[in-house]
Structure formats: structure tokens, C-alpha cells
Amino acid sequence: MLSLTFSRRLLCLLLGVSLAVLLVACGSSVGTRTTTSSGTSPTATATQATPVPTVTASPTHVVTPPAKLTVAIACGGTKQNGYGVDVIHGNVCAQTLAKATLSIQVTYCDGKPDPSPILQGTVTANANGFYEWNWTPQPDCEGQPIWSWKVAVTAHLNGQTATASDQGMA
């Protein structure tokens, strides 16, 4: 009879340990609750799984700030400086960020702006951030040849503004 009681206890112990190992392996913690009756001795011992909260990562949205807007009066290739004006031809190149809106003002001699239609309003830089103006100058130098001029290019993009200017003398 003694061996039968021992065998039952051993079997219960093995089942309890197996259940605990199984619950731990599945990610739950094991708690023990003891229930007592009106007396002082325990009448039953039950094993209860305590749920473990799971943490789910929420998707993050990384916002990359826009690139700093700059503008330069510069032509690529073999052209130098990015500007040139004489009596017959005016040429200005601008390099900035792609899709920036550009405006230009060219003044001659005593600061009078060139009224050429191509210099009025705004234009948009191409996918490489480049734009080139070519026009026939309309200076108001009081009958004199163009003896000085100034160019200013302003770029706008994503709420940013940048300006480049240069000047020359004939």
C-alpha cells in the first residue's frame, strides 16, 4: 500500500512539473492559489496561469526634414560664372533644388530693371535643379551702351527662400 501511495505522489509531482514547464515554455507565468475551508488545513491546491501582457510595437513614421534651399548663379559645362550680358544677348543660369520656383531681376546702369517678358514672373527648376534664362536685353542706360548690370535670382520651395546675386561691368 505504501508503494501505491508513493507512486501516486510521484505521478502527481511529475504531472505538476510537466504542466509548469509547459506553461513557462509557452510564455505564461505560473501562480499557485490555495483554497481553504472553514478549517486551517488546505483542501485543494490549484495551478492557475497568469496572463503575461504582450507589447506590440506601433509603426513609426519618420519625417525627414526638407533639404536646405540654396541657389547659385552658375552654369554647368564649359560656361563660366553663370551670367553674361551684352547689348545683343543676356544669359543667366541658376542651380538650386529640383522643382524650386525661381524669379529673376536684371538691372542695368543706374538700377533700372530690364522689362523683357522672359524675365517677368516665375519659372520652375528642372529635376536637376537647373534653369537658364536667355533674352535680348532692353537696357535703359540713356543712350549709352550697357556699362554695368546686376542680376538677382530668388528661389522658393517648401516655405524656404534663398537669393543669389552678382554684378558686372562691361
N, C-alpha and C. Protein backbone atom coordinates (compact mmCIF):
# COMPACT_ATOMS: atom_id res chain seq x y z
N MET A 1 0.81 -1.18 0.00
CA MET A 1 0.00 0.00 0.00
C MET A 1 0.86 1.24 0.00
N LEU A 2 1.98 1.14 0.69
CA LEU A 2 2.90 2.26 0.77
C LEU A 2 3.44 2.61 -0.60
N SER A 3 3.74 1.61 -1.40
CA SER A 3 4.30 1.87 -2.72
C SER A 3 3.26 2.47 -3.66
N LEU A 4 1.97 2.15 -3.47
CA LEU A 4 0.93 2.72 -4.29
C LEU A 4 0.77 4.20 -3.99
N THR A 5 0.79 4.58 -2.73
CA THR A 5 0.69 5.99 -2.35
C THR A 5 1.90 6.75 -2.86
N PHE A 6 3.07 6.17 -2.74
CA PHE A 6 4.30 6.80 -3.23
C PHE A 6 4.23 6.98 -4.75
N SER A 7 3.71 5.98 -5.45
CA SER A 7 3.60 6.05 -6.90
C SER A 7 2.64 7.16 -7.32
N ARG A 8 1.52 7.31 -6.59
CA ARG A 8 0.57 8.37 -6.92
C ARG A 8 1.20 9.74 -6.70
N ARG A 9 1.90 9.89 -5.59
CA ARG A 9 2.55 11.17 -5.30
C ARG A 9 3.59 11.50 -6.37
N LEU A 10 4.35 10.51 -6.76
CA LEU A 10 5.37 10.72 -7.79
C LEU A 10 4.71 11.10 -9.12
N LEU A 11 3.60 10.43 -9.46
CA LEU A 11 2.89 10.73 -10.69
C LEU A 11 2.33 12.17 -10.64
N CYS A 12 1.73 12.56 -9.53
CA CYS A 12 1.20 13.92 -9.39
C CYS A 12 2.33 14.96 -9.48
N LEU A 13 3.45 14.65 -8.85
CA LEU A 13 4.59 15.56 -8.90
C LEU A 13 5.10 15.71 -10.33
N LEU A 14 5.22 14.65 -11.06
CA LEU A 14 5.69 14.70 -12.45
C LEU A 14 4.70 15.46 -13.34
N LEU A 15 3.40 15.22 -13.14
CA LEU A 15 2.41 15.94 -13.92
C LEU A 15 2.45 17.44 -13.61
N GLY A 16 2.61 17.79 -12.35
CA GLY A 16 2.68 19.19 -11.96
C GLY A 16 3.90 19.88 -12.55
N VAL A 17 5.05 19.21 -12.48
CA VAL A 17 6.27 19.77 -13.05
C VAL A 17 6.14 19.91 -14.57
N SER A 18 5.57 18.92 -15.21
CA SER A 18 5.38 18.97 -16.66
C SER A 18 4.48 20.13 -17.05
N LEU A 19 3.39 20.32 -16.30
CA LEU A 19 2.48 21.43 -16.59
C LEU A 19 3.19 22.77 -16.40
N ALA A 20 3.98 22.89 -15.33
CA ALA A 20 4.71 24.14 -15.08
C ALA A 20 5.70 24.42 -16.20
N VAL A 21 6.44 23.41 -16.64
CA VAL A 21 7.41 23.57 -17.73
C VAL A 21 6.69 23.96 -19.01
N LEU A 22 5.55 23.34 -19.28
CA LEU A 22 4.78 23.65 -20.47
C LEU A 22 4.29 25.10 -20.44
N LEU A 23 3.79 25.55 -19.32
CA LEU A 23 3.31 26.92 -19.22
C LEU A 23 4.45 27.93 -19.34
N VAL A 24 5.58 27.65 -18.74
CA VAL A 24 6.73 28.55 -18.85
C VAL A 24 7.22 28.59 -20.29
N ALA A 25 7.24 27.47 -20.96
CA ALA A 25 7.70 27.41 -22.34
C ALA A 25 6.77 28.18 -23.27
N CYS A 26 5.51 28.28 -22.93
CA CYS A 26 4.54 29.00 -23.76
C CYS A 26 4.49 30.48 -23.44
N GLY A 27 5.29 30.94 -22.51
CA GLY A 27 5.37 32.37 -22.25
C GLY A 27 4.45 32.86 -21.17
N SER A 28 3.86 32.01 -20.39
CA SER A 28 2.99 32.46 -19.31
C SER A 28 3.70 32.21 -17.99
N SER A 29 3.38 33.03 -16.99
CA SER A 29 3.92 32.76 -15.66
C SER A 29 2.89 31.94 -14.91
N VAL A 30 3.39 31.15 -13.97
CA VAL A 30 2.53 30.25 -13.23
C VAL A 30 2.36 30.78 -11.83
N GLY A 31 1.13 30.85 -11.36
CA GLY A 31 0.86 31.25 -9.98
C GLY A 31 0.12 30.13 -9.28
N THR A 32 0.26 30.02 -7.98
CA THR A 32 -0.43 28.98 -7.22
C THR A 32 -1.42 29.63 -6.29
N ARG A 33 -2.63 29.11 -6.28
CA ARG A 33 -3.67 29.63 -5.40
C ARG A 33 -4.08 28.50 -4.47
N THR A 34 -4.12 28.79 -3.19
CA THR A 34 -4.52 27.79 -2.20
C THR A 34 -5.90 28.14 -1.68
N THR A 35 -6.78 27.15 -1.69
CA THR A 35 -8.13 27.36 -1.21
C THR A 35 -8.27 26.63 0.13
N THR A 36 -8.84 27.30 1.11
CA THR A 36 -9.04 26.65 2.42
C THR A 36 -10.52 26.65 2.75
N SER A 37 -10.91 25.64 3.51
CA SER A 37 -12.30 25.59 4.00
C SER A 37 -12.33 26.27 5.34
N SER A 38 -13.38 26.08 6.10
CA SER A 38 -13.50 26.73 7.40
C SER A 38 -12.42 26.31 8.37
N GLY A 39 -11.77 25.22 8.10
CA GLY A 39 -10.68 24.76 8.96
C GLY A 39 -9.39 25.43 8.58
N THR A 40 -8.28 24.97 9.13
CA THR A 40 -7.00 25.57 8.88
C THR A 40 -6.17 24.80 7.88
N SER A 41 -6.60 23.64 7.50
CA SER A 41 -5.80 22.87 6.57
C SER A 41 -6.30 23.09 5.15
N PRO A 42 -5.38 23.15 4.21
CA PRO A 42 -5.79 23.35 2.83
C PRO A 42 -6.56 22.15 2.32
N THR A 43 -7.61 22.42 1.53
CA THR A 43 -8.39 21.32 0.97
C THR A 43 -8.06 21.07 -0.49
N ALA A 44 -7.54 22.10 -1.15
CA ALA A 44 -7.21 21.89 -2.56
C ALA A 44 -6.13 22.88 -2.97
N THR A 45 -5.28 22.47 -3.85
CA THR A 45 -4.28 23.36 -4.42
C THR A 45 -4.48 23.32 -5.92
N ALA A 46 -4.68 24.51 -6.51
CA ALA A 46 -4.91 24.58 -7.96
C ALA A 46 -3.84 25.45 -8.59
N THR A 47 -3.42 25.09 -9.77
CA THR A 47 -2.46 25.87 -10.53
C THR A 47 -3.23 26.70 -11.54
N GLN A 48 -2.94 28.01 -11.56
CA GLN A 48 -3.66 28.92 -12.46
C GLN A 48 -2.65 29.71 -13.27
N ALA A 49 -2.87 29.78 -14.56
CA ALA A 49 -1.97 30.55 -15.43
C ALA A 49 -2.30 32.02 -15.30
N THR A 50 -1.28 32.84 -15.13
CA THR A 50 -1.44 34.29 -15.09
C THR A 50 -1.02 34.84 -16.45
N PRO A 51 -1.92 35.53 -17.13
CA PRO A 51 -1.54 36.02 -18.46
C PRO A 51 -0.42 37.04 -18.39
N VAL A 52 0.47 36.98 -19.37
CA VAL A 52 1.58 37.92 -19.48
C VAL A 52 1.20 38.94 -20.54
N PRO A 53 1.25 40.23 -20.20
CA PRO A 53 0.90 41.23 -21.22
C PRO A 53 1.88 41.19 -22.37
N THR A 54 1.36 41.39 -23.56
CA THR A 54 2.23 41.42 -24.74
C THR A 54 2.37 42.86 -25.19
N VAL A 55 3.54 43.20 -25.64
CA VAL A 55 3.82 44.54 -26.12
C VAL A 55 3.89 44.48 -27.64
N THR A 56 3.07 45.28 -28.27
CA THR A 56 3.06 45.33 -29.72
C THR A 56 3.67 46.65 -30.15
N ALA A 57 4.67 46.58 -31.00
CA ALA A 57 5.32 47.79 -31.48
C ALA A 57 4.39 48.50 -32.44
N SER A 58 4.21 49.78 -32.22
CA SER A 58 3.38 50.55 -33.13
C SER A 58 4.27 51.03 -34.28
N PRO A 59 3.70 51.13 -35.47
CA PRO A 59 4.51 51.58 -36.61
C PRO A 59 4.96 53.02 -36.39
N THR A 60 6.19 53.28 -36.76
CA THR A 60 6.71 54.63 -36.62
C THR A 60 6.80 55.27 -37.99
N HIS A 61 6.56 56.55 -38.02
CA HIS A 61 6.65 57.31 -39.27
C HIS A 61 7.77 58.33 -39.10
N VAL A 62 8.84 58.13 -39.81
CA VAL A 62 9.98 59.04 -39.72
C VAL A 62 9.79 60.16 -40.73
N VAL A 63 9.82 61.37 -40.23
CA VAL A 63 9.67 62.53 -41.10
C VAL A 63 11.06 63.10 -41.36
N THR A 64 11.43 63.13 -42.61
CA THR A 64 12.72 63.69 -42.99
C THR A 64 12.52 65.16 -43.32
N PRO A 65 13.26 66.01 -42.66
CA PRO A 65 13.10 67.43 -42.96
C PRO A 65 13.55 67.72 -44.39
N PRO A 66 12.94 68.72 -45.03
CA PRO A 66 13.34 69.03 -46.40
C PRO A 66 14.78 69.55 -46.44
N ALA A 67 15.40 69.34 -47.57
CA ALA A 67 16.78 69.81 -47.75
C ALA A 67 16.80 71.34 -47.66
N LYS A 68 17.92 71.87 -47.18
CA LYS A 68 18.07 73.31 -47.07
C LYS A 68 18.15 73.90 -48.48
N LEU A 69 17.32 74.89 -48.73
CA LEU A 69 17.26 75.52 -50.04
C LEU A 69 18.42 76.49 -50.22
N THR A 70 19.12 76.34 -51.33
CA THR A 70 20.17 77.27 -51.73
C THR A 70 19.96 77.55 -53.22
N VAL A 71 20.55 78.62 -53.68
CA VAL A 71 20.53 78.93 -55.11
C VAL A 71 21.88 79.55 -55.45
N ALA A 72 22.39 79.18 -56.61
CA ALA A 72 23.66 79.73 -57.09
C ALA A 72 23.48 80.17 -58.53
N ILE A 73 24.15 81.25 -58.89
CA ILE A 73 24.17 81.69 -60.28
C ILE A 73 25.37 80.98 -60.90
N ALA A 74 25.07 79.89 -61.60
CA ALA A 74 26.14 79.05 -62.14
C ALA A 74 25.61 78.22 -63.30
N CYS A 75 26.41 78.13 -64.36
CA CYS A 75 26.10 77.28 -65.49
C CYS A 75 27.03 76.08 -65.43
N GLY A 76 26.54 74.95 -65.86
CA GLY A 76 27.39 73.76 -65.91
C GLY A 76 28.20 73.74 -67.20
N GLY A 77 28.98 72.72 -67.35
CA GLY A 77 29.75 72.55 -68.57
C GLY A 77 30.88 73.54 -68.69
N THR A 78 31.09 74.04 -69.91
CA THR A 78 32.22 74.93 -70.17
C THR A 78 31.89 76.40 -69.94
N LYS A 79 30.62 76.74 -69.72
CA LYS A 79 30.27 78.15 -69.47
C LYS A 79 30.82 78.56 -68.12
N GLN A 80 31.30 79.78 -68.02
CA GLN A 80 31.86 80.26 -66.77
C GLN A 80 30.89 81.20 -66.09
N ASN A 81 30.99 81.26 -64.78
CA ASN A 81 30.26 82.18 -63.93
C ASN A 81 28.76 81.92 -63.83
N GLY A 82 28.05 81.79 -64.90
CA GLY A 82 26.61 81.61 -64.83
C GLY A 82 25.83 82.82 -65.28
N TYR A 83 26.53 83.84 -65.74
CA TYR A 83 25.83 85.02 -66.23
C TYR A 83 26.67 85.70 -67.31
N GLY A 84 26.00 86.45 -68.11
CA GLY A 84 26.66 87.25 -69.14
C GLY A 84 25.63 88.14 -69.81
N VAL A 85 25.95 89.39 -69.96
CA VAL A 85 25.04 90.33 -70.60
C VAL A 85 25.87 91.24 -71.50
N ASP A 86 25.39 91.43 -72.71
CA ASP A 86 25.94 92.45 -73.59
C ASP A 86 24.76 93.10 -74.31
N VAL A 87 25.02 93.90 -75.29
CA VAL A 87 23.94 94.64 -75.98
C VAL A 87 23.00 93.69 -76.72
N ILE A 88 23.52 92.56 -77.19
CA ILE A 88 22.74 91.65 -78.03
C ILE A 88 22.10 90.51 -77.25
N HIS A 89 22.78 90.02 -76.23
CA HIS A 89 22.31 88.79 -75.59
C HIS A 89 22.53 88.83 -74.08
N GLY A 90 21.53 88.33 -73.35
CA GLY A 90 21.66 88.14 -71.92
C GLY A 90 21.48 86.66 -71.59
N ASN A 91 22.24 86.18 -70.63
CA ASN A 91 22.19 84.77 -70.25
C ASN A 91 22.47 84.66 -68.75
N VAL A 92 21.60 83.97 -68.02
CA VAL A 92 21.80 83.69 -66.60
C VAL A 92 21.36 82.26 -66.34
N CYS A 93 22.18 81.51 -65.60
CA CYS A 93 21.85 80.15 -65.19
C CYS A 93 21.71 80.11 -63.67
N ALA A 94 20.78 79.30 -63.20
CA ALA A 94 20.58 79.13 -61.76
C ALA A 94 20.62 77.65 -61.43
N GLN A 95 21.27 77.32 -60.32
CA GLN A 95 21.34 75.95 -59.82
C GLN A 95 20.77 75.94 -58.40
N THR A 96 19.74 75.11 -58.17
CA THR A 96 19.05 75.04 -56.88
C THR A 96 18.50 73.64 -56.68
N LEU A 97 17.50 73.47 -55.86
CA LEU A 97 16.86 72.17 -55.67
C LEU A 97 15.81 71.94 -56.76
N ALA A 98 15.58 70.69 -57.09
CA ALA A 98 14.58 70.34 -58.10
C ALA A 98 13.21 70.89 -57.70
N LYS A 99 12.48 71.36 -58.68
CA LYS A 99 11.12 71.87 -58.52
C LYS A 99 11.00 73.19 -57.76
N ALA A 100 12.12 73.85 -57.46
CA ALA A 100 12.06 75.16 -56.79
C ALA A 100 11.49 76.17 -57.78
N THR A 101 10.74 77.12 -57.27
CA THR A 101 10.21 78.22 -58.08
C THR A 101 11.23 79.34 -58.08
N LEU A 102 11.54 79.86 -59.27
CA LEU A 102 12.58 80.88 -59.42
C LEU A 102 12.02 82.17 -60.01
N SER A 103 12.58 83.27 -59.56
CA SER A 103 12.30 84.56 -60.19
C SER A 103 13.65 85.27 -60.36
N ILE A 104 13.69 86.17 -61.30
CA ILE A 104 14.94 86.86 -61.62
C ILE A 104 14.67 88.35 -61.81
N GLN A 105 15.65 89.15 -61.45
CA GLN A 105 15.58 90.59 -61.75
C GLN A 105 16.96 90.99 -62.25
N VAL A 106 16.98 91.62 -63.42
CA VAL A 106 18.22 92.11 -64.00
C VAL A 106 18.09 93.62 -64.11
N THR A 107 19.07 94.33 -63.59
CA THR A 107 19.07 95.80 -63.67
C THR A 107 20.34 96.26 -64.38
N TYR A 108 20.22 97.40 -65.04
CA TYR A 108 21.35 97.95 -65.80
C TYR A 108 21.69 99.35 -65.30
N CYS A 109 22.88 99.75 -65.61
CA CYS A 109 23.36 101.12 -65.42
C CYS A 109 22.98 101.72 -64.07
N ASP A 110 21.95 102.47 -64.01
CA ASP A 110 21.57 103.16 -62.76
C ASP A 110 20.49 102.41 -61.98
N GLY A 111 20.38 101.11 -62.17
CA GLY A 111 19.43 100.32 -61.38
C GLY A 111 18.05 100.16 -61.96
N LYS A 112 17.92 100.45 -63.26
CA LYS A 112 16.61 100.30 -63.89
C LYS A 112 16.43 98.85 -64.34
N PRO A 113 15.31 98.20 -63.96
CA PRO A 113 15.13 96.78 -64.31
C PRO A 113 14.85 96.58 -65.80
N ASP A 114 15.34 95.45 -66.29
CA ASP A 114 15.08 95.05 -67.68
C ASP A 114 13.62 94.60 -67.77
N PRO A 115 12.84 95.20 -68.70
CA PRO A 115 11.43 94.83 -68.81
C PRO A 115 11.16 93.64 -69.72
N SER A 116 12.19 92.92 -70.16
CA SER A 116 11.99 91.80 -71.09
C SER A 116 10.98 90.80 -70.51
N PRO A 117 10.01 90.38 -71.33
CA PRO A 117 8.96 89.47 -70.84
C PRO A 117 9.49 88.17 -70.23
N ILE A 118 10.59 87.64 -70.76
CA ILE A 118 11.13 86.37 -70.25
C ILE A 118 11.64 86.49 -68.82
N LEU A 119 11.91 87.71 -68.38
CA LEU A 119 12.42 87.93 -67.02
C LEU A 119 11.30 88.19 -66.01
N GLN A 120 10.06 88.21 -66.47
CA GLN A 120 8.93 88.51 -65.59
C GLN A 120 8.31 87.20 -65.08
N GLY A 121 7.71 87.24 -63.92
CA GLY A 121 7.01 86.07 -63.38
C GLY A 121 7.97 85.05 -62.79
N THR A 122 7.47 83.82 -62.65
CA THR A 122 8.28 82.74 -62.05
C THR A 122 8.40 81.57 -63.02
N VAL A 123 9.44 80.80 -62.79
CA VAL A 123 9.69 79.57 -63.55
C VAL A 123 10.01 78.48 -62.54
N THR A 124 10.08 77.23 -63.00
CA THR A 124 10.36 76.11 -62.11
C THR A 124 11.65 75.41 -62.55
N ALA A 125 12.53 75.18 -61.59
CA ALA A 125 13.78 74.45 -61.89
C ALA A 125 13.45 73.02 -62.31
N ASN A 126 14.26 72.46 -63.17
CA ASN A 126 14.01 71.11 -63.66
C ASN A 126 14.36 70.06 -62.58
N ALA A 127 14.31 68.79 -62.95
CA ALA A 127 14.55 67.70 -62.00
C ALA A 127 15.97 67.72 -61.43
N ASN A 128 16.89 68.39 -62.12
CA ASN A 128 18.27 68.53 -61.63
C ASN A 128 18.47 69.85 -60.88
N GLY A 129 17.41 70.64 -60.75
CA GLY A 129 17.50 71.92 -60.06
C GLY A 129 18.09 73.03 -60.91
N PHE A 130 18.04 72.90 -62.23
CA PHE A 130 18.68 73.85 -63.13
C PHE A 130 17.63 74.63 -63.92
N TYR A 131 17.94 75.91 -64.17
CA TYR A 131 17.14 76.71 -65.09
C TYR A 131 18.05 77.74 -65.75
N GLU A 132 17.76 78.05 -67.03
CA GLU A 132 18.57 79.02 -67.76
C GLU A 132 17.67 80.02 -68.48
N TRP A 133 17.96 81.30 -68.28
CA TRP A 133 17.25 82.38 -68.97
C TRP A 133 18.14 82.88 -70.11
N ASN A 134 17.57 83.09 -71.28
CA ASN A 134 18.23 83.69 -72.44
C ASN A 134 17.29 84.76 -73.00
N TRP A 135 17.79 85.95 -73.23
CA TRP A 135 16.94 87.04 -73.70
C TRP A 135 17.77 88.10 -74.40
N THR A 136 17.08 88.99 -75.10
CA THR A 136 17.70 90.16 -75.69
C THR A 136 17.49 91.31 -74.71
N PRO A 137 18.58 91.87 -74.18
CA PRO A 137 18.45 92.92 -73.16
C PRO A 137 17.72 94.16 -73.68
N GLN A 138 16.99 94.78 -72.78
CA GLN A 138 16.30 96.04 -73.06
C GLN A 138 16.74 97.05 -71.99
N PRO A 139 17.99 97.49 -72.10
CA PRO A 139 18.50 98.40 -71.08
C PRO A 139 17.98 99.82 -71.26
N ASP A 140 17.99 100.56 -70.17
CA ASP A 140 17.64 101.97 -70.23
C ASP A 140 18.83 102.73 -69.64
N CYS A 141 19.88 102.81 -70.43
CA CYS A 141 21.11 103.46 -69.97
C CYS A 141 21.27 104.82 -70.62
N GLU A 142 20.18 105.46 -70.96
CA GLU A 142 20.15 106.80 -71.52
C GLU A 142 21.03 106.95 -72.76
N GLY A 143 20.86 105.99 -73.67
CA GLY A 143 21.57 106.04 -74.94
C GLY A 143 22.99 105.52 -74.88
N GLN A 144 23.46 105.20 -73.72
CA GLN A 144 24.82 104.67 -73.55
C GLN A 144 24.78 103.14 -73.68
N PRO A 145 25.89 102.51 -74.04
CA PRO A 145 25.94 101.05 -74.00
C PRO A 145 25.81 100.59 -72.54
N ILE A 146 25.49 99.35 -72.39
CA ILE A 146 25.37 98.78 -71.04
C ILE A 146 26.75 98.87 -70.40
N TRP A 147 26.87 99.65 -69.34
CA TRP A 147 28.17 99.79 -68.69
C TRP A 147 28.22 99.09 -67.33
N SER A 148 27.04 98.75 -66.77
CA SER A 148 27.02 97.92 -65.57
C SER A 148 25.67 97.21 -65.47
N TRP A 149 25.66 96.12 -64.79
CA TRP A 149 24.42 95.38 -64.62
C TRP A 149 24.51 94.54 -63.35
N LYS A 150 23.35 94.19 -62.85
CA LYS A 150 23.25 93.36 -61.65
C LYS A 150 22.13 92.34 -61.87
N VAL A 151 22.35 91.12 -61.40
CA VAL A 151 21.34 90.08 -61.50
C VAL A 151 21.08 89.51 -60.10
N ALA A 152 19.81 89.26 -59.80
CA ALA A 152 19.41 88.63 -58.54
C ALA A 152 18.42 87.52 -58.86
N VAL A 153 18.68 86.32 -58.37
CA VAL A 153 17.80 85.17 -58.57
C VAL A 153 17.30 84.74 -57.19
N THR A 154 15.98 84.57 -57.07
CA THR A 154 15.37 84.14 -55.81
C THR A 154 14.67 82.80 -56.03
N ALA A 155 14.90 81.88 -55.11
CA ALA A 155 14.28 80.54 -55.17
C ALA A 155 13.33 80.37 -53.99
N HIS A 156 12.21 79.70 -54.23
CA HIS A 156 11.23 79.38 -53.19
C HIS A 156 10.90 77.89 -53.28
N LEU A 157 10.87 77.20 -52.11
CA LEU A 157 10.48 75.79 -52.07
C LEU A 157 10.17 75.41 -50.63
N ASN A 158 9.03 74.77 -50.42
CA ASN A 158 8.63 74.27 -49.10
C ASN A 158 8.74 75.33 -48.00
N GLY A 159 8.31 76.53 -48.30
CA GLY A 159 8.34 77.60 -47.30
C GLY A 159 9.70 78.22 -47.08
N GLN A 160 10.70 77.79 -47.81
CA GLN A 160 12.06 78.35 -47.70
C GLN A 160 12.31 79.32 -48.86
N THR A 161 13.20 80.28 -48.62
CA THR A 161 13.58 81.24 -49.66
C THR A 161 15.09 81.39 -49.64
N ALA A 162 15.70 81.48 -50.81
CA ALA A 162 17.13 81.71 -50.95
C ALA A 162 17.35 82.66 -52.12
N THR A 163 18.36 83.53 -51.99
CA THR A 163 18.65 84.51 -53.04
C THR A 163 20.14 84.52 -53.34
N ALA A 164 20.46 84.64 -54.62
CA ALA A 164 21.85 84.81 -55.06
C ALA A 164 21.90 86.02 -55.97
N SER A 165 22.97 86.77 -55.88
CA SER A 165 23.10 87.93 -56.76
C SER A 165 24.54 88.08 -57.21
N ASP A 166 24.70 88.76 -58.32
CA ASP A 166 26.03 89.04 -58.86
C ASP A 166 25.91 90.30 -59.71
N GLN A 167 27.04 90.87 -60.03
CA GLN A 167 27.03 92.07 -60.86
C GLN A 167 28.26 92.10 -61.74
N GLY A 168 28.20 92.90 -62.75
CA GLY A 168 29.32 93.01 -63.67
C GLY A 168 29.36 94.38 -64.32
N MET A 169 30.47 94.62 -64.97
CA MET A 169 30.66 95.87 -65.70
C MET A 169 31.13 95.51 -67.09
N ALA A 170 30.66 96.25 -68.06
CA ALA A 170 31.02 95.99 -69.46
C ALA A 170 32.37 96.57 -69.77
